[in-house]
Every structure is written in C-alpha cells, then in structure tokens.
Amino acid sequence: MNVKIDFFSINCLLWATLFVVSFPLSGQVSRHFERISSEDGLQQSIVYSIAQDSFDNIWAGTEEGVVRYNSRETFLYNKYKGFSGHTRNRTSKIFIDSQQQIWVGTEEGVSRYNPVADRFDPVKTAVNSGP
C-alpha cells in the first residue's frame, strides 16, 4: 500500500496539533469573585453599573447613589454627602477613563469624581437637562 502525503497535509496536521495542545494553556486566567452584600455596607440591592479603578476600588452606581468599596469599608456618595448640587441619587452609569478619572451618569447629568474633595462635581455643559 502506497501512502502519499504531501507538504500541505503535513503542515495542516502540525498546525492543528499545535492549536489543540496550546489552546488549554493560553486562555486560563484565574478569576476570583467576591459577593458584596449589606453586611459589607452595600445599602442598595439595585446596582446599575460597576467599575474597578487602578487602586482596586469597586465603584457601583445604585438607586441610592455611588458606592465605593475597597474590601475593608464602603463609602456612599449621595445627595446628602458627596454629590454636590444633586437633588437625586440614582446613578445609572460609571465610567473610568484612561487617566483614571471616574465619571458618573445620573438623572441630572454627568459628574466627575474629585479625589481631593472626595466628592462628585457636576460637569457644566451647554445644556444640562434632566428628565
């Protein structure tokens, strides 16, 4: 029995073997998830948006404002503390840009976190209209 194997078949076989052998090694990234609950200081069960900054703080946009969690303690920013100029708390979006500035979207517009003052300041725009 004569078996004729050409270069193309050998090349395909080698690539397929390399792919199958290396696939399980390439995508295995260990992830650890931790549940944050009211015992940890998360006062609100409705969370609209989550982001993590470069200092490993977890920022959550909730019905009651913005929650910052650092694995030891929880801070709530709302119309009573930390949301200067806001009359409502609902925060539907949190975004951290490439310069690690934290932006939030609320019913009243966009605000940016001021780490020196430890508060969110409204961003002035030409039209700041709310619902």
Protein backbone atom coordinates (compact mmCIF):
# COMPACT_ATOMS: atom_id res chain seq x y z
CA MET A 1 0.00 0.00 0.00
CA ASN A 2 1.45 3.31 -1.09
CA VAL A 3 0.59 6.29 1.07
CA LYS A 4 1.33 9.63 -0.45
CA ILE A 5 1.45 12.55 1.95
CA ASP A 6 2.03 15.98 0.55
CA PHE A 7 3.54 19.03 2.25
CA PHE A 8 0.15 20.74 2.64
CA SER A 9 -1.31 17.81 4.63
CA ILE A 10 1.68 17.67 6.96
CA ASN A 11 1.56 21.44 7.50
CA CYS A 12 -2.17 21.31 8.34
CA LEU A 13 -1.61 18.41 10.73
CA LEU A 14 1.19 20.23 12.53
CA TRP A 15 -0.85 23.45 12.91
CA ALA A 16 -3.90 21.54 14.14
CA THR A 17 -1.78 19.68 16.72
CA LEU A 18 -0.18 22.92 17.88
CA PHE A 19 -3.60 24.56 18.22
CA VAL A 20 -5.12 21.68 20.19
CA VAL A 21 -2.12 21.38 22.53
CA SER A 22 -1.72 25.11 23.20
CA PHE A 23 -5.43 26.05 23.45
CA PRO A 24 -5.96 24.92 27.07
CA LEU A 25 -2.79 26.74 28.16
CA SER A 26 -3.44 30.10 26.52
CA GLY A 27 -6.81 31.18 27.91
CA GLN A 28 -6.68 30.09 31.52
CA VAL A 29 -6.87 33.22 33.60
CA SER A 30 -7.75 32.82 37.23
CA ARG A 31 -10.68 35.00 38.34
CA HIS A 32 -11.89 35.50 41.88
CA PHE A 33 -15.36 36.84 42.52
CA GLU A 34 -16.48 38.15 45.87
CA ARG A 35 -20.07 38.86 46.82
CA ILE A 36 -20.69 42.30 48.32
CA SER A 37 -23.82 42.49 50.43
CA SER A 38 -25.47 44.65 53.08
CA GLU A 39 -23.13 43.13 55.69
CA ASP A 40 -20.26 44.72 53.72
CA GLY A 41 -22.03 48.08 53.59
CA LEU A 42 -23.81 47.86 50.23
CA GLN A 43 -27.02 49.60 51.24
CA GLN A 44 -28.85 49.11 47.94
CA SER A 45 -29.66 45.87 46.14
CA ILE A 46 -30.31 47.61 42.80
CA VAL A 47 -26.98 48.15 41.00
CA TYR A 48 -26.99 49.71 37.53
CA SER A 49 -23.27 49.92 36.77
CA ILE A 50 -19.97 48.63 38.19
CA ALA A 51 -16.37 49.67 37.52
CA GLN A 52 -12.98 48.98 39.13
CA ASP A 53 -10.23 51.60 39.31
CA SER A 54 -6.46 51.10 39.34
CA PHE A 55 -6.45 51.14 43.17
CA ASP A 56 -8.82 48.12 43.19
CA ASN A 57 -11.76 50.16 44.46
CA ILE A 58 -15.10 48.86 43.22
CA TRP A 59 -17.48 51.67 42.21
CA ALA A 60 -21.17 50.82 41.94
CA GLY A 61 -23.91 53.03 40.57
CA THR A 62 -27.07 52.34 42.57
CA GLU A 63 -30.54 53.66 43.26
CA GLU A 64 -29.14 55.39 46.37
CA GLY A 65 -26.05 56.96 44.75
CA VAL A 66 -22.47 55.78 44.17
CA VAL A 67 -20.91 53.17 46.41
CA ARG A 68 -17.12 52.84 46.66
CA TYR A 69 -15.90 49.56 48.14
CA ASN A 70 -12.24 48.82 48.89
CA SER A 71 -12.53 45.36 50.54
CA ARG A 72 -12.35 46.91 54.01
CA GLU A 73 -15.04 49.57 54.05
CA THR A 74 -17.82 51.07 51.99
CA PHE A 75 -18.47 54.73 51.20
CA LEU A 76 -21.77 56.07 49.90
CA TYR A 77 -21.90 59.26 47.82
CA ASN A 78 -25.41 60.69 47.56
CA LYS A 79 -27.29 64.00 47.62
CA TYR A 80 -26.56 64.34 51.35
CA LYS A 81 -22.81 63.67 51.14
CA GLY A 82 -20.54 63.76 48.14
CA PHE A 83 -22.97 64.64 45.33
CA SER A 84 -22.61 68.41 45.27
CA GLY A 85 -25.51 70.12 43.55
CA HIS A 86 -27.60 66.97 43.11
CA THR A 87 -31.17 66.52 44.29
CA ARG A 88 -31.48 62.86 43.21
CA ASN A 89 -29.33 59.82 43.92
CA ARG A 90 -29.94 57.33 41.10
CA THR A 91 -26.67 56.65 39.27
CA SER A 92 -27.10 54.65 36.10
CA LYS A 93 -23.57 54.66 34.67
CA ILE A 94 -19.98 54.69 35.96
CA PHE A 95 -17.05 55.12 33.60
CA ILE A 96 -13.32 55.23 34.40
CA ASP A 97 -11.26 56.80 31.63
CA SER A 98 -7.64 56.15 30.63
CA GLN A 99 -6.43 58.78 33.11
CA GLN A 100 -8.32 57.03 35.95
CA GLN A 101 -10.89 59.81 36.27
CA ILE A 102 -14.23 58.50 37.50
CA TRP A 103 -17.32 59.76 35.68
CA VAL A 104 -20.92 59.03 36.63
CA GLY A 105 -24.18 59.47 34.79
CA THR A 106 -27.20 60.44 36.86
CA GLU A 107 -30.74 61.60 36.18
CA GLU A 108 -29.38 65.15 36.43
CA GLY A 109 -26.42 64.83 34.09
CA VAL A 110 -22.74 63.87 34.26
CA SER A 111 -20.44 64.31 37.25
CA ARG A 112 -16.73 63.68 37.78
CA TYR A 113 -15.10 62.46 40.99
CA ASN A 114 -12.86 64.98 42.73
CA PRO A 115 -10.45 62.88 44.86
CA VAL A 116 -9.07 65.90 46.73
CA ALA A 117 -12.51 66.94 47.97
CA ASP A 118 -13.81 63.33 48.00
CA ARG A 119 -16.98 64.24 46.10
CA PHE A 120 -18.61 64.20 42.68
CA ASP A 121 -18.85 67.57 40.95
CA PRO A 122 -21.35 68.20 38.14
CA VAL A 123 -19.83 68.77 34.73
CA LYS A 124 -21.05 72.02 33.19
CA THR A 125 -22.39 71.61 29.68
CA ALA A 126 -24.20 73.91 27.29
CA VAL A 127 -27.45 72.11 28.02
CA ASN A 128 -27.82 70.28 31.33
CA SER A 129 -31.35 68.97 31.10
CA GLY A 130 -32.83 66.23 33.21
CA PRO A 131 -35.94 64.12 32.81
